[in-house]
């Protein structure tokens, strides 16, 4: 059985479509790589006026960033992980505690790309921890 060979005009008709498909694939590759990026949102709410808060993003076993601050409530902050960091080991931690002898409800929440991945709630003086761990 023989496969028909396209005429030069048929081959010319096929080639531009193949090029446009390849161009579309190349154009969509950049957003696809960026789609692995993670947008992290931290949130702490509570009855007391202030809380001691520490938020940490750990990108590898030895690399992390974070800070501890006394903040007015409600409090929120954002961070992000590159697509490469998000594909590997990482964890996100949020600690919160009422300060200055304050008591009352206290809640923490970590959201990644719009999805709640960790949340805790307490009352009194007890600290809370929200933790998200990947890989």
C-alpha atoms as a PDB file:
ATOM      1  CA  UNK A   1       0.000   0.000   0.000  1.00  0.00           C
ATOM      2  CA  UNK A   2       1.364   3.392  -0.978  1.00  0.00           C
ATOM      3  CA  UNK A   3       0.893   6.632   0.880  1.00  0.00           C
ATOM      4  CA  UNK A   4      -0.026   9.489  -1.439  1.00  0.00           C
ATOM      5  CA  UNK A   5       2.600  12.239  -1.595  1.00  0.00           C
ATOM      6  CA  UNK A   6       1.152  15.731  -1.295  1.00  0.00           C
ATOM      7  CA  UNK A   7       1.575  18.036  -4.219  1.00  0.00           C
ATOM      8  CA  UNK A   8       3.707  21.140  -3.609  1.00  0.00           C
ATOM      9  CA  UNK A   9       0.561  23.284  -3.241  1.00  0.00           C
ATOM     10  CA  UNK A  10      -0.925  20.822  -0.705  1.00  0.00           C
ATOM     11  CA  UNK A  11       2.352  20.760   1.243  1.00  0.00           C
ATOM     12  CA  UNK A  12       2.374  24.576   1.292  1.00  0.00           C
ATOM     13  CA  UNK A  13      -1.158  24.558   2.684  1.00  0.00           C
ATOM     14  CA  UNK A  14      -0.169  22.185   5.500  1.00  0.00           C
ATOM     15  CA  UNK A  15       3.084  23.903   6.501  1.00  0.00           C
ATOM     16  CA  UNK A  16       1.645  27.316   7.546  1.00  0.00           C
ATOM     17  CA  UNK A  17      -0.876  25.582   9.823  1.00  0.00           C
ATOM     18  CA  UNK A  18       1.909  23.575  11.430  1.00  0.00           C
ATOM     19  CA  UNK A  19       3.877  26.775  11.973  1.00  0.00           C
ATOM     20  CA  UNK A  20       0.906  28.562  13.533  1.00  0.00           C
ATOM     21  CA  UNK A  21       0.256  25.568  15.815  1.00  0.00           C
ATOM     22  CA  UNK A  22       3.928  25.605  16.874  1.00  0.00           C
ATOM     23  CA  UNK A  23       3.784  29.366  17.434  1.00  0.00           C
ATOM     24  CA  UNK A  24       0.632  28.988  19.551  1.00  0.00           C
ATOM     25  CA  UNK A  25       2.301  26.238  21.592  1.00  0.00           C
ATOM     26  CA  UNK A  26       5.385  28.409  22.163  1.00  0.00           C
ATOM     27  CA  UNK A  27       3.219  31.383  23.162  1.00  0.00           C
ATOM     28  CA  UNK A  28       1.281  29.276  25.662  1.00  0.00           C
ATOM     29  CA  UNK A  29       4.453  27.706  27.136  1.00  0.00           C
ATOM     30  CA  UNK A  30       5.481  30.893  28.956  1.00  0.00           C
ATOM     31  CA  UNK A  31       2.156  31.299  30.822  1.00  0.00           C
ATOM     32  CA  UNK A  32       2.115  27.557  31.550  1.00  0.00           C
ATOM     33  CA  UNK A  33       5.523  27.816  33.241  1.00  0.00           C
ATOM     34  CA  UNK A  34       4.347  30.866  35.184  1.00  0.00           C
ATOM     35  CA  UNK A  35       1.185  29.028  36.227  1.00  0.00           C
ATOM     36  CA  UNK A  36       3.277  27.006  38.682  1.00  0.00           C
ATOM     37  CA  UNK A  37       3.901  30.176  40.722  1.00  0.00           C
ATOM     38  CA  UNK A  38       2.159  30.287  44.116  1.00  0.00           C
ATOM     39  CA  UNK A  39       0.653  33.454  45.588  1.00  0.00           C
ATOM     40  CA  UNK A  40       0.553  33.179  49.376  1.00  0.00           C
ATOM     41  CA  UNK A  41      -1.731  35.248  51.597  1.00  0.00           C
ATOM     42  CA  UNK A  42      -1.448  35.354  55.389  1.00  0.00           C
ATOM     43  CA  UNK A  43      -4.325  36.613  57.560  1.00  0.00           C
ATOM     44  CA  UNK A  44      -4.782  37.005  61.319  1.00  0.00           C
ATOM     45  CA  UNK A  45      -7.984  38.266  62.948  1.00  0.00           C
ATOM     46  CA  UNK A  46      -9.047  38.507  66.560  1.00  0.00           C
ATOM     47  CA  UNK A  47     -10.872  40.282  69.371  1.00  0.00           C
ATOM     48  CA  UNK A  48      -7.747  41.880  70.861  1.00  0.00           C
ATOM     49  CA  UNK A  49      -6.377  45.024  69.312  1.00  0.00           C
ATOM     50  CA  UNK A  50      -2.916  43.564  68.670  1.00  0.00           C
ATOM     51  CA  UNK A  51      -1.148  40.237  68.239  1.00  0.00           C
ATOM     52  CA  UNK A  52       2.411  39.003  67.999  1.00  0.00           C
ATOM     53  CA  UNK A  53       2.690  37.519  64.485  1.00  0.00           C
ATOM     54  CA  UNK A  54       5.396  35.578  62.666  1.00  0.00           C
ATOM     55  CA  UNK A  55       5.011  34.461  59.083  1.00  0.00           C
ATOM     56  CA  UNK A  56       7.670  32.281  57.460  1.00  0.00           C
ATOM     57  CA  UNK A  57       8.152  30.907  53.927  1.00  0.00           C
ATOM     58  CA  UNK A  58      10.679  28.047  53.751  1.00  0.00           C
ATOM     59  CA  UNK A  59      11.879  27.475  50.180  1.00  0.00           C
ATOM     60  CA  UNK A  60      14.352  24.641  50.876  1.00  0.00           C
ATOM     61  CA  UNK A  61      15.742  22.799  53.855  1.00  0.00           C
ATOM     62  CA  UNK A  62      18.172  25.681  54.465  1.00  0.00           C
ATOM     63  CA  UNK A  63      16.523  28.777  52.969  1.00  0.00           C
ATOM     64  CA  UNK A  64      13.690  30.684  54.625  1.00  0.00           C
ATOM     65  CA  UNK A  65      12.383  34.181  55.128  1.00  0.00           C
ATOM     66  CA  UNK A  66      10.076  35.589  57.741  1.00  0.00           C
ATOM     67  CA  UNK A  67       9.665  38.121  60.510  1.00  0.00           C
ATOM     68  CA  UNK A  68       8.024  38.528  63.906  1.00  0.00           C
ATOM     69  CA  UNK A  69       6.114  41.705  64.617  1.00  0.00           C
ATOM     70  CA  UNK A  70       3.500  43.130  66.919  1.00  0.00           C
ATOM     71  CA  UNK A  71       0.612  44.137  64.645  1.00  0.00           C
ATOM     72  CA  UNK A  72      -2.823  45.684  64.877  1.00  0.00           C
ATOM     73  CA  UNK A  73      -5.658  43.310  63.990  1.00  0.00           C
ATOM     74  CA  UNK A  74      -6.953  42.405  61.498  1.00  0.00           C
ATOM     75  CA  UNK A  75      -3.590  41.857  59.783  1.00  0.00           C
ATOM     76  CA  UNK A  76      -2.670  40.426  56.391  1.00  0.00           C
ATOM     77  CA  UNK A  77       0.404  40.068  54.184  1.00  0.00           C
ATOM     78  CA  UNK A  78       1.357  38.478  50.879  1.00  0.00           C
ATOM     79  CA  UNK A  79       4.329  36.540  49.558  1.00  0.00           C
ATOM     80  CA  UNK A  80       4.976  34.306  46.588  1.00  0.00           C
ATOM     81  CA  UNK A  81       6.946  31.305  45.422  1.00  0.00           C
ATOM     82  CA  UNK A  82       8.409  31.129  41.931  1.00  0.00           C
ATOM     83  CA  UNK A  83       7.318  28.196  39.784  1.00  0.00           C
ATOM     84  CA  UNK A  84      10.702  26.515  40.436  1.00  0.00           C
ATOM     85  CA  UNK A  85      10.421  26.993  44.228  1.00  0.00           C
ATOM     86  CA  UNK A  86       6.771  25.887  44.228  1.00  0.00           C
ATOM     87  CA  UNK A  87       7.696  22.661  42.419  1.00  0.00           C
ATOM     88  CA  UNK A  88      10.199  21.680  45.132  1.00  0.00           C
ATOM     89  CA  UNK A  89      10.139  21.339  48.900  1.00  0.00           C
ATOM     90  CA  UNK A  90       8.520  24.276  50.666  1.00  0.00           C
ATOM     91  CA  UNK A  91       6.405  25.085  53.681  1.00  0.00           C
ATOM     92  CA  UNK A  92       4.548  28.136  54.894  1.00  0.00           C
ATOM     93  CA  UNK A  93       4.013  28.864  58.584  1.00  0.00           C
ATOM     94  CA  UNK A  94       2.001  31.525  60.400  1.00  0.00           C
ATOM     95  CA  UNK A  95       2.172  31.922  64.197  1.00  0.00           C
ATOM     96  CA  UNK A  96      -0.027  34.345  66.151  1.00  0.00           C
ATOM     97  CA  UNK A  97      -0.566  35.123  69.838  1.00  0.00           C
ATOM     98  CA  UNK A  98      -2.537  37.756  71.716  1.00  0.00           C
ATOM     99  CA  UNK A  99      -0.146  40.157  73.486  1.00  0.00           C
ATOM    100  CA  UNK A 100      -0.093  42.525  76.437  1.00  0.00           C
ATOM    101  CA  UNK A 101      -2.220  40.175  78.554  1.00  0.00           C
ATOM    102  CA  UNK A 102      -5.064  40.364  76.034  1.00  0.00           C
ATOM    103  CA  UNK A 103      -7.517  37.498  75.818  1.00  0.00           C
ATOM    104  CA  UNK A 104     -10.117  36.688  73.223  1.00  0.00           C
ATOM    105  CA  UNK A 105     -10.684  34.933  69.943  1.00  0.00           C
ATOM    106  CA  UNK A 106      -7.722  34.676  67.561  1.00  0.00           C
ATOM    107  CA  UNK A 107      -7.683  33.124  64.087  1.00  0.00           C
ATOM    108  CA  UNK A 108      -5.009  32.540  61.454  1.00  0.00           C
ATOM    109  CA  UNK A 109      -5.370  31.534  57.821  1.00  0.00           C
ATOM    110  CA  UNK A 110      -3.006  30.751  54.942  1.00  0.00           C
ATOM    111  CA  UNK A 111      -4.364  30.955  51.412  1.00  0.00           C
ATOM    112  CA  UNK A 112      -2.438  29.784  48.345  1.00  0.00           C
ATOM    113  CA  UNK A 113      -3.692  30.831  44.909  1.00  0.00           C
ATOM    114  CA  UNK A 114      -7.070  31.649  46.453  1.00  0.00           C
ATOM    115  CA  UNK A 115      -7.505  28.304  48.254  1.00  0.00           C
ATOM    116  CA  UNK A 116      -7.446  28.098  52.059  1.00  0.00           C
ATOM    117  CA  UNK A 117      -4.740  25.538  52.896  1.00  0.00           C
ATOM    118  CA  UNK A 118      -4.492  26.059  56.677  1.00  0.00           C
ATOM    119  CA  UNK A 119      -6.580  27.725  59.375  1.00  0.00           C
ATOM    120  CA  UNK A 120      -6.752  27.676  63.177  1.00  0.00           C
ATOM    121  CA  UNK A 121      -8.887  29.371  65.809  1.00  0.00           C
ATOM    122  CA  UNK A 122      -8.456  29.764  69.564  1.00  0.00           C
ATOM    123  CA  UNK A 123      -9.712  31.834  72.466  1.00  0.00           C
ATOM    124  CA  UNK A 124      -7.871  33.132  75.487  1.00  0.00           C
ATOM    125  CA  UNK A 125      -4.133  33.637  75.558  1.00  0.00           C
ATOM    126  CA  UNK A 126      -3.170  30.409  73.745  1.00  0.00           C
ATOM    127  CA  UNK A 127      -1.005  30.860  70.579  1.00  0.00           C
ATOM    128  CA  UNK A 128      -2.051  29.413  67.224  1.00  0.00           C
ATOM    129  CA  UNK A 129      -0.114  28.011  64.287  1.00  0.00           C
ATOM    130  CA  UNK A 130      -1.183  27.585  60.665  1.00  0.00           C
ATOM    131  CA  UNK A 131       1.077  25.303  58.613  1.00  0.00           C
ATOM    132  CA  UNK A 132       1.130  24.324  54.947  1.00  0.00           C
ATOM    133  CA  UNK A 133       3.737  21.755  53.868  1.00  0.00           C
ATOM    134  CA  UNK A 134       4.384  20.608  50.279  1.00  0.00           C
ATOM    135  CA  UNK A 135       6.470  17.692  49.022  1.00  0.00           C
END
